[in-house]
N, C-alpha and C. Protein backbone atom coordinates (compact mmCIF):
# COMPACT_ATOMS: atom_id res chain seq x y z
N MET A 1 0.81 -1.18 -0.01
CA MET A 1 0.02 0.00 -0.01
C MET A 1 0.88 1.29 -0.01
N LYS A 2 1.90 1.27 0.82
CA LYS A 2 2.82 2.45 0.90
C LYS A 2 3.48 2.69 -0.40
N GLU A 3 3.89 1.64 -1.16
CA GLU A 3 4.52 1.84 -2.44
C GLU A 3 3.56 2.44 -3.51
N ASN A 4 2.28 2.01 -3.43
CA ASN A 4 1.28 2.55 -4.33
C ASN A 4 1.06 4.03 -4.04
N THR A 5 1.04 4.40 -2.75
CA THR A 5 0.82 5.79 -2.42
C THR A 5 2.00 6.64 -2.92
N LYS A 6 3.22 6.15 -2.72
CA LYS A 6 4.41 6.83 -3.16
C LYS A 6 4.37 7.01 -4.70
N TRP A 7 3.97 5.97 -5.35
CA TRP A 7 3.91 6.04 -6.88
C TRP A 7 2.87 7.05 -7.33
N LEU A 8 1.67 7.04 -6.67
CA LEU A 8 0.65 8.04 -7.02
C LEU A 8 1.19 9.47 -6.78
N LEU A 9 1.82 9.68 -5.66
CA LEU A 9 2.37 11.02 -5.35
C LEU A 9 3.47 11.39 -6.30
N TYR A 10 4.27 10.40 -6.77
CA TYR A 10 5.32 10.66 -7.73
C TYR A 10 4.68 11.08 -9.08
N ASN A 11 3.61 10.44 -9.49
CA ASN A 11 2.91 10.86 -10.74
C ASN A 11 2.42 12.26 -10.62
N LEU A 12 1.84 12.60 -9.50
CA LEU A 12 1.34 13.99 -9.31
C LEU A 12 2.48 14.97 -9.39
N THR A 13 3.60 14.65 -8.77
CA THR A 13 4.82 15.52 -8.76
C THR A 13 5.34 15.65 -10.16
N VAL A 14 5.47 14.57 -10.85
CA VAL A 14 5.98 14.64 -12.28
C VAL A 14 5.03 15.48 -13.16
N ALA A 15 3.74 15.27 -13.12
CA ALA A 15 2.81 16.02 -13.87
C ALA A 15 2.91 17.48 -13.57
N PHE A 16 2.87 17.82 -12.25
CA PHE A 16 3.01 19.22 -11.84
C PHE A 16 4.25 19.85 -12.40
N SER A 17 5.36 19.15 -12.28
CA SER A 17 6.66 19.73 -12.66
C SER A 17 6.78 19.90 -14.18
N ILE A 18 6.29 18.91 -14.95
CA ILE A 18 6.33 19.07 -16.39
C ILE A 18 5.44 20.19 -16.89
N TYR A 19 4.28 20.30 -16.32
CA TYR A 19 3.36 21.36 -16.70
C TYR A 19 4.02 22.74 -16.52
N TRP A 20 4.54 22.98 -15.30
CA TRP A 20 5.07 24.35 -15.02
C TRP A 20 6.41 24.59 -15.70
N ALA A 21 7.24 23.54 -15.83
CA ALA A 21 8.55 23.74 -16.51
C ALA A 21 8.26 24.02 -17.98
N GLY A 22 7.35 23.25 -18.57
CA GLY A 22 7.01 23.48 -19.98
C GLY A 22 6.49 24.87 -20.24
N ASN A 23 5.59 25.39 -19.42
CA ASN A 23 5.08 26.72 -19.55
C ASN A 23 6.15 27.75 -19.36
N LEU A 24 7.09 27.51 -18.46
CA LEU A 24 8.19 28.45 -18.25
C LEU A 24 9.07 28.54 -19.52
N ILE A 25 9.39 27.34 -20.01
CA ILE A 25 10.23 27.29 -21.21
C ILE A 25 9.55 27.99 -22.41
N LEU A 26 8.24 27.82 -22.56
CA LEU A 26 7.50 28.34 -23.70
C LEU A 26 7.13 29.84 -23.53
N TRP A 27 7.19 30.36 -22.30
CA TRP A 27 6.63 31.67 -22.08
C TRP A 27 7.24 32.76 -22.97
N PHE A 28 8.60 32.87 -23.00
CA PHE A 28 9.26 33.94 -23.80
C PHE A 28 9.06 33.73 -25.30
N PRO A 29 9.28 32.51 -25.87
CA PRO A 29 9.03 32.35 -27.27
C PRO A 29 7.60 32.68 -27.67
N TRP A 30 6.67 32.25 -26.84
CA TRP A 30 5.20 32.44 -27.13
C TRP A 30 4.94 33.91 -27.05
N SER A 31 5.49 34.65 -26.08
CA SER A 31 5.19 36.10 -25.95
C SER A 31 5.81 36.92 -27.09
N LEU A 32 6.87 36.36 -27.73
CA LEU A 32 7.47 37.03 -28.90
C LEU A 32 6.66 36.80 -30.12
N ASN A 33 6.24 35.55 -30.30
CA ASN A 33 5.53 35.18 -31.53
C ASN A 33 4.65 33.96 -31.25
N ALA A 34 3.34 34.04 -31.42
CA ALA A 34 2.43 32.94 -31.09
C ALA A 34 2.71 31.73 -31.92
N ASN A 35 3.06 31.90 -33.20
CA ASN A 35 3.35 30.74 -34.05
C ASN A 35 4.65 30.04 -33.62
N LEU A 36 5.65 30.80 -33.14
CA LEU A 36 6.89 30.22 -32.63
C LEU A 36 6.55 29.40 -31.36
N GLY A 37 5.71 29.98 -30.50
CA GLY A 37 5.34 29.27 -29.32
C GLY A 37 4.52 27.99 -29.58
N ILE A 38 3.68 28.05 -30.51
CA ILE A 38 2.84 26.88 -30.88
C ILE A 38 3.77 25.81 -31.49
N GLY A 39 4.63 26.26 -32.34
CA GLY A 39 5.55 25.25 -32.95
C GLY A 39 6.41 24.57 -31.90
N LEU A 40 6.93 25.36 -31.00
CA LEU A 40 7.78 24.77 -29.91
C LEU A 40 6.95 23.87 -29.01
N MET A 41 5.69 24.31 -28.73
CA MET A 41 4.81 23.48 -27.89
C MET A 41 4.52 22.14 -28.54
N LEU A 42 4.29 22.18 -29.80
CA LEU A 42 3.93 20.95 -30.47
C LEU A 42 5.08 19.94 -30.66
N THR A 43 6.30 20.48 -30.55
CA THR A 43 7.45 19.60 -30.70
C THR A 43 8.07 19.26 -29.39
N MET A 44 8.14 20.25 -28.47
CA MET A 44 8.85 20.04 -27.21
C MET A 44 8.02 19.36 -26.12
N MET A 45 6.75 19.81 -26.00
CA MET A 45 5.91 19.28 -24.90
C MET A 45 5.66 17.77 -25.02
N PRO A 46 5.38 17.23 -26.17
CA PRO A 46 5.26 15.78 -26.21
C PRO A 46 6.49 15.04 -25.73
N LEU A 47 7.67 15.57 -26.01
CA LEU A 47 8.91 14.99 -25.55
C LEU A 47 9.02 15.05 -24.05
N LEU A 48 8.68 16.20 -23.49
CA LEU A 48 8.74 16.34 -22.00
C LEU A 48 7.75 15.41 -21.35
N TRP A 49 6.48 15.42 -21.83
CA TRP A 49 5.45 14.55 -21.24
C TRP A 49 5.88 13.11 -21.45
N GLY A 50 6.38 12.75 -22.59
CA GLY A 50 6.87 11.35 -22.84
C GLY A 50 7.93 10.94 -21.89
N PHE A 51 8.89 11.80 -21.64
CA PHE A 51 9.95 11.52 -20.66
C PHE A 51 9.39 11.25 -19.28
N GLY A 52 8.46 12.15 -18.85
CA GLY A 52 7.86 12.02 -17.58
C GLY A 52 7.02 10.77 -17.44
N ILE A 53 6.26 10.48 -18.41
CA ILE A 53 5.40 9.29 -18.42
C ILE A 53 6.30 8.05 -18.29
N TYR A 54 7.32 8.00 -19.04
CA TYR A 54 8.22 6.84 -19.03
C TYR A 54 8.77 6.64 -17.61
N HIS A 55 9.19 7.75 -16.98
CA HIS A 55 9.77 7.63 -15.65
C HIS A 55 8.72 7.26 -14.59
N CYS A 56 7.45 7.64 -14.81
CA CYS A 56 6.42 7.17 -13.95
C CYS A 56 6.14 5.72 -14.12
N LEU A 57 6.04 5.24 -15.36
CA LEU A 57 5.69 3.85 -15.64
C LEU A 57 6.78 2.88 -15.18
N ILE A 58 8.06 3.25 -15.32
CA ILE A 58 9.12 2.34 -14.87
C ILE A 58 9.11 2.17 -13.38
N ARG A 59 8.45 3.12 -12.66
CA ARG A 59 8.40 3.03 -11.21
C ARG A 59 7.07 2.41 -10.70
N TYR A 60 6.26 2.00 -11.58
CA TYR A 60 5.00 1.29 -11.26
C TYR A 60 5.30 -0.11 -10.76
N ASN A 61 4.92 -0.47 -9.55
CA ASN A 61 5.20 -1.77 -9.02
C ASN A 61 4.02 -2.69 -8.96
N GLY A 62 2.94 -2.31 -9.60
CA GLY A 62 1.72 -3.19 -9.67
C GLY A 62 1.94 -4.37 -10.54
N ILE A 63 1.03 -5.29 -10.53
CA ILE A 63 1.13 -6.53 -11.30
C ILE A 63 0.84 -6.23 -12.76
N LYS A 64 -0.22 -5.50 -13.02
CA LYS A 64 -0.67 -5.21 -14.41
C LYS A 64 -0.24 -3.82 -14.76
N ILE A 65 0.70 -3.72 -15.72
CA ILE A 65 1.22 -2.40 -16.13
C ILE A 65 0.11 -1.55 -16.78
N LEU A 66 -0.91 -2.19 -17.39
CA LEU A 66 -1.97 -1.42 -17.97
C LEU A 66 -2.74 -0.65 -16.91
N THR A 67 -2.84 -1.19 -15.72
CA THR A 67 -3.49 -0.50 -14.62
C THR A 67 -2.68 0.78 -14.30
N GLY A 68 -1.35 0.68 -14.29
CA GLY A 68 -0.56 1.84 -14.07
C GLY A 68 -0.73 2.90 -15.16
N VAL A 69 -0.80 2.42 -16.36
CA VAL A 69 -0.98 3.35 -17.53
C VAL A 69 -2.33 4.13 -17.39
N ILE A 70 -3.35 3.43 -17.05
CA ILE A 70 -4.68 4.07 -16.88
C ILE A 70 -4.63 5.09 -15.75
N ILE A 71 -4.04 4.73 -14.62
CA ILE A 71 -3.95 5.64 -13.50
C ILE A 71 -3.08 6.88 -13.90
N ASN A 72 -1.97 6.61 -14.55
CA ASN A 72 -1.06 7.69 -15.02
C ASN A 72 -1.82 8.63 -15.94
N SER A 73 -2.54 8.11 -16.87
CA SER A 73 -3.33 8.90 -17.82
C SER A 73 -4.34 9.84 -17.14
N ILE A 74 -5.03 9.26 -16.14
CA ILE A 74 -5.99 10.04 -15.38
C ILE A 74 -5.33 11.14 -14.61
N ILE A 75 -4.21 10.82 -13.95
CA ILE A 75 -3.51 11.87 -13.18
C ILE A 75 -2.99 12.99 -14.03
N LEU A 76 -2.39 12.65 -15.20
CA LEU A 76 -1.85 13.66 -16.09
C LEU A 76 -3.01 14.62 -16.54
N LEU A 77 -4.13 13.97 -16.92
CA LEU A 77 -5.23 14.80 -17.43
C LEU A 77 -5.77 15.68 -16.30
N MET A 78 -5.88 15.15 -15.13
CA MET A 78 -6.42 16.01 -13.97
C MET A 78 -5.51 17.15 -13.69
N ILE A 79 -4.21 16.88 -13.65
CA ILE A 79 -3.24 17.95 -13.32
C ILE A 79 -3.26 18.99 -14.44
N ALA A 80 -3.34 18.57 -15.73
CA ALA A 80 -3.28 19.55 -16.82
C ALA A 80 -4.56 20.42 -16.74
N ILE A 81 -5.70 19.87 -16.44
CA ILE A 81 -6.90 20.65 -16.40
C ILE A 81 -6.89 21.64 -15.26
N VAL A 82 -6.48 21.18 -14.07
CA VAL A 82 -6.44 22.09 -12.92
C VAL A 82 -5.32 23.15 -13.09
N ALA A 83 -4.19 22.74 -13.60
CA ALA A 83 -3.10 23.66 -13.74
C ALA A 83 -3.40 24.69 -14.86
N ASP A 84 -4.07 24.24 -15.91
CA ASP A 84 -4.50 25.23 -16.93
C ASP A 84 -5.45 26.28 -16.34
N TYR A 85 -6.34 25.84 -15.53
CA TYR A 85 -7.28 26.80 -14.88
C TYR A 85 -6.51 27.77 -13.96
N LEU A 86 -5.52 27.28 -13.20
CA LEU A 86 -4.74 28.14 -12.38
C LEU A 86 -3.88 29.10 -13.19
N PHE A 87 -3.29 28.58 -14.26
CA PHE A 87 -2.37 29.37 -15.10
C PHE A 87 -3.15 30.43 -15.87
N PHE A 88 -4.18 30.02 -16.59
CA PHE A 88 -4.87 30.99 -17.43
C PHE A 88 -5.87 31.83 -16.62
N GLY A 89 -6.52 31.25 -15.60
CA GLY A 89 -7.50 31.97 -14.86
C GLY A 89 -6.95 32.86 -13.74
N LEU A 90 -6.22 32.20 -12.85
CA LEU A 90 -5.73 32.93 -11.66
C LEU A 90 -4.46 33.67 -11.87
N ILE A 91 -3.49 33.14 -12.52
CA ILE A 91 -2.20 33.78 -12.70
C ILE A 91 -2.21 34.85 -13.82
N ARG A 92 -2.75 34.44 -15.00
CA ARG A 92 -2.77 35.34 -16.12
C ARG A 92 -4.02 36.17 -16.25
N GLY A 93 -5.11 35.69 -15.70
CA GLY A 93 -6.39 36.35 -15.90
C GLY A 93 -6.83 36.32 -17.40
N ALA A 94 -6.59 35.21 -18.05
CA ALA A 94 -6.86 35.09 -19.46
C ALA A 94 -7.69 33.83 -19.79
N MET A 95 -8.81 33.61 -19.11
CA MET A 95 -9.63 32.42 -19.37
C MET A 95 -10.05 32.33 -20.77
N ASN A 96 -10.20 33.46 -21.52
CA ASN A 96 -10.63 33.41 -22.90
C ASN A 96 -9.66 32.66 -23.81
N ASP A 97 -8.36 32.69 -23.37
CA ASP A 97 -7.34 31.99 -24.13
C ASP A 97 -7.31 30.48 -23.89
N LEU A 98 -7.98 30.03 -22.83
CA LEU A 98 -7.87 28.65 -22.45
C LEU A 98 -8.75 27.69 -23.26
N TYR A 99 -10.02 27.88 -23.19
CA TYR A 99 -10.91 26.89 -23.74
C TYR A 99 -11.13 27.04 -25.26
N GLN A 100 -10.07 26.72 -25.98
CA GLN A 100 -10.06 26.69 -27.46
C GLN A 100 -10.10 25.18 -27.87
N PRO A 101 -10.47 24.90 -29.11
CA PRO A 101 -10.45 23.51 -29.58
C PRO A 101 -9.08 22.83 -29.38
N THR A 102 -8.03 23.59 -29.54
CA THR A 102 -6.67 22.97 -29.45
C THR A 102 -6.44 22.51 -27.99
N THR A 103 -7.00 23.23 -26.98
CA THR A 103 -6.88 22.81 -25.60
C THR A 103 -7.44 21.42 -25.43
N PHE A 104 -8.62 21.15 -25.99
CA PHE A 104 -9.24 19.83 -25.80
C PHE A 104 -8.51 18.75 -26.61
N TYR A 105 -7.91 19.12 -27.77
CA TYR A 105 -7.05 18.16 -28.50
C TYR A 105 -5.85 17.78 -27.68
N GLY A 106 -5.26 18.81 -26.99
CA GLY A 106 -4.16 18.61 -26.18
C GLY A 106 -4.47 17.67 -24.98
N TYR A 107 -5.62 17.88 -24.38
CA TYR A 107 -6.05 16.97 -23.28
C TYR A 107 -6.20 15.61 -23.81
N GLY A 108 -6.78 15.41 -24.94
CA GLY A 108 -6.98 14.10 -25.53
C GLY A 108 -5.67 13.41 -25.81
N PHE A 109 -4.75 14.16 -26.38
CA PHE A 109 -3.39 13.60 -26.70
C PHE A 109 -2.65 13.23 -25.41
N LEU A 110 -2.73 14.10 -24.43
CA LEU A 110 -2.10 13.77 -23.16
C LEU A 110 -2.68 12.52 -22.49
N ALA A 111 -4.00 12.35 -22.59
CA ALA A 111 -4.63 11.17 -22.00
C ALA A 111 -4.22 9.88 -22.73
N VAL A 112 -3.94 9.96 -24.00
CA VAL A 112 -3.57 8.81 -24.87
C VAL A 112 -2.11 8.50 -24.75
N MET A 113 -1.25 9.51 -24.46
CA MET A 113 0.20 9.28 -24.44
C MET A 113 0.71 8.11 -23.63
N PRO A 114 0.24 7.91 -22.37
CA PRO A 114 0.72 6.73 -21.62
C PRO A 114 0.43 5.37 -22.35
N PHE A 115 -0.72 5.32 -23.03
CA PHE A 115 -1.03 4.09 -23.76
C PHE A 115 -0.10 3.91 -24.99
N LEU A 116 0.24 4.99 -25.63
CA LEU A 116 1.19 4.95 -26.73
C LEU A 116 2.58 4.53 -26.24
N GLU A 117 2.95 5.08 -25.11
CA GLU A 117 4.27 4.68 -24.55
C GLU A 117 4.31 3.19 -24.18
N LEU A 118 3.19 2.69 -23.64
CA LEU A 118 3.13 1.28 -23.36
C LEU A 118 3.19 0.46 -24.63
N LEU A 119 2.52 0.91 -25.67
CA LEU A 119 2.53 0.22 -26.91
C LEU A 119 3.91 0.14 -27.54
N PHE A 120 4.67 1.25 -27.51
CA PHE A 120 5.98 1.33 -28.16
C PHE A 120 7.14 0.96 -27.31
N PHE A 121 7.01 1.14 -25.97
CA PHE A 121 8.15 0.90 -25.09
C PHE A 121 7.93 -0.11 -23.97
N LYS A 122 6.99 -1.03 -24.18
CA LYS A 122 6.56 -1.97 -23.10
C LYS A 122 7.81 -2.74 -22.63
N LYS A 123 8.58 -3.29 -23.52
CA LYS A 123 9.74 -4.10 -23.08
C LYS A 123 10.70 -3.29 -22.25
N SER A 124 10.99 -2.05 -22.65
CA SER A 124 11.93 -1.21 -21.88
C SER A 124 11.31 -0.82 -20.54
N ILE A 125 10.01 -0.54 -20.50
CA ILE A 125 9.35 -0.14 -19.23
C ILE A 125 9.46 -1.26 -18.24
N ILE A 126 9.14 -2.50 -18.75
CA ILE A 126 9.13 -3.65 -17.84
C ILE A 126 10.61 -4.00 -17.39
N ARG A 127 11.51 -3.95 -18.29
CA ARG A 127 12.91 -4.27 -18.04
C ARG A 127 13.56 -3.29 -17.02
N LYS A 128 13.21 -2.03 -17.07
CA LYS A 128 13.87 -0.98 -16.23
C LYS A 128 13.07 -0.62 -14.98
N ARG A 129 12.15 -1.47 -14.60
CA ARG A 129 11.31 -1.17 -13.40
C ARG A 129 12.17 -0.93 -12.17
N CYS A 130 11.80 0.04 -11.41
CA CYS A 130 12.49 0.41 -10.14
C CYS A 130 11.50 1.03 -9.22
N SER A 131 11.93 1.32 -8.02
CA SER A 131 11.04 1.90 -7.00
C SER A 131 11.21 3.44 -6.96
N VAL A 132 10.25 4.13 -6.38
CA VAL A 132 10.25 5.55 -6.21
C VAL A 132 11.19 5.84 -4.98
N THR A 133 12.10 6.77 -5.12
CA THR A 133 12.97 7.09 -4.01
C THR A 133 12.72 8.57 -3.56
N ALA A 134 13.24 8.95 -2.40
CA ALA A 134 13.11 10.32 -1.88
C ALA A 134 13.78 11.29 -2.88
N ASN A 135 14.89 10.86 -3.45
CA ASN A 135 15.59 11.75 -4.42
C ASN A 135 14.74 12.03 -5.64
N ASP A 136 13.97 11.07 -6.08
CA ASP A 136 13.06 11.28 -7.22
C ASP A 136 12.12 12.40 -6.96
N PHE A 137 11.56 12.42 -5.74
CA PHE A 137 10.61 13.46 -5.39
C PHE A 137 11.31 14.83 -5.28
N ILE A 138 12.46 14.86 -4.66
CA ILE A 138 13.17 16.13 -4.45
C ILE A 138 13.58 16.73 -5.74
N SER A 139 14.23 15.97 -6.67
CA SER A 139 14.69 16.56 -7.90
C SER A 139 13.50 16.99 -8.81
N VAL A 140 12.49 16.15 -8.95
CA VAL A 140 11.40 16.51 -9.79
C VAL A 140 10.57 17.62 -9.19
N GLY A 141 10.29 17.52 -7.91
CA GLY A 141 9.51 18.55 -7.25
C GLY A 141 10.19 19.90 -7.26
N ALA A 142 11.49 19.94 -7.09
CA ALA A 142 12.20 21.23 -7.13
C ALA A 142 12.09 21.89 -8.47
N ILE A 143 12.16 21.12 -9.52
CA ILE A 143 11.98 21.70 -10.90
C ILE A 143 10.58 22.35 -11.02
N GLY A 144 9.59 21.65 -10.57
CA GLY A 144 8.20 22.21 -10.69
C GLY A 144 8.03 23.44 -9.87
N ILE A 145 8.46 23.43 -8.57
CA ILE A 145 8.25 24.61 -7.73
C ILE A 145 9.02 25.80 -8.21
N ILE A 146 10.25 25.62 -8.64
CA ILE A 146 11.13 26.72 -9.12
C ILE A 146 10.48 27.27 -10.42
N SER A 147 10.01 26.35 -11.32
CA SER A 147 9.38 26.82 -12.57
C SER A 147 8.07 27.61 -12.30
N LEU A 148 7.28 27.14 -11.35
CA LEU A 148 6.06 27.84 -11.06
C LEU A 148 6.33 29.24 -10.46
N LEU A 149 7.27 29.29 -9.57
CA LEU A 149 7.59 30.60 -8.93
C LEU A 149 8.19 31.57 -9.93
N LEU A 150 9.13 31.11 -10.76
CA LEU A 150 9.69 31.96 -11.80
C LEU A 150 8.61 32.47 -12.74
N LEU A 151 7.72 31.58 -13.20
CA LEU A 151 6.63 31.95 -14.14
C LEU A 151 5.73 32.98 -13.50
N ILE A 152 5.38 32.79 -12.24
CA ILE A 152 4.55 33.78 -11.57
C ILE A 152 5.28 35.13 -11.49
N ALA A 153 6.50 35.15 -11.15
CA ALA A 153 7.25 36.37 -11.08
C ALA A 153 7.36 37.06 -12.46
N ILE A 154 7.62 36.28 -13.49
CA ILE A 154 7.74 36.87 -14.83
C ILE A 154 6.44 37.49 -15.28
N ILE A 155 5.32 36.84 -14.96
CA ILE A 155 4.05 37.32 -15.40
C ILE A 155 3.55 38.52 -14.51
N LYS A 156 3.69 38.40 -13.23
CA LYS A 156 3.22 39.44 -12.35
C LYS A 156 4.14 40.73 -12.40
N PHE A 157 5.38 40.56 -12.64
CA PHE A 157 6.28 41.72 -12.77
C PHE A 157 6.47 42.12 -14.25
N ASP A 158 5.80 41.43 -15.15
CA ASP A 158 5.84 41.74 -16.61
C ASP A 158 7.26 41.85 -17.13
N LEU A 159 8.04 40.86 -16.82
CA LEU A 159 9.45 40.77 -17.24
C LEU A 159 9.57 40.46 -18.69
N LYS A 160 10.42 41.14 -19.40
CA LYS A 160 10.66 40.93 -20.85
C LYS A 160 12.03 40.49 -21.09
N ILE A 161 12.25 39.97 -22.31
CA ILE A 161 13.68 39.55 -22.67
C ILE A 161 14.37 40.82 -23.10
């Protein structure tokens, strides 16, 4: 039971960190040119999410990896929806920018990504299985917290390049 709880918390931490780090990385290119930001988002974010999903799945200690994939997919989707609301609504005050068709396509793609990773990397995921450690939380969590705080500061103080 304790291992399952640690794994769930690790998934939440990874999703939190990828979301905020990705938005921090994309903020300046997107603020310079929306097409540049969109292009970077479509190429870079699937790689970041894929990296995070892979690290979550290799740490799943359950019997059926598909169960871990389903749980991972739900967690990623929940974090993305809540974080989008926080980012667009509370931090930026730009809810009109959020609920576009592309947002829902992005949610769909994010929900499917863990299943695609299982399809293409199942042997590697199963072969590299390991447990969640305290260092996993510290390194991943620090990235997310620092990214969130920097992004809030950049937006609230209207920092430019």
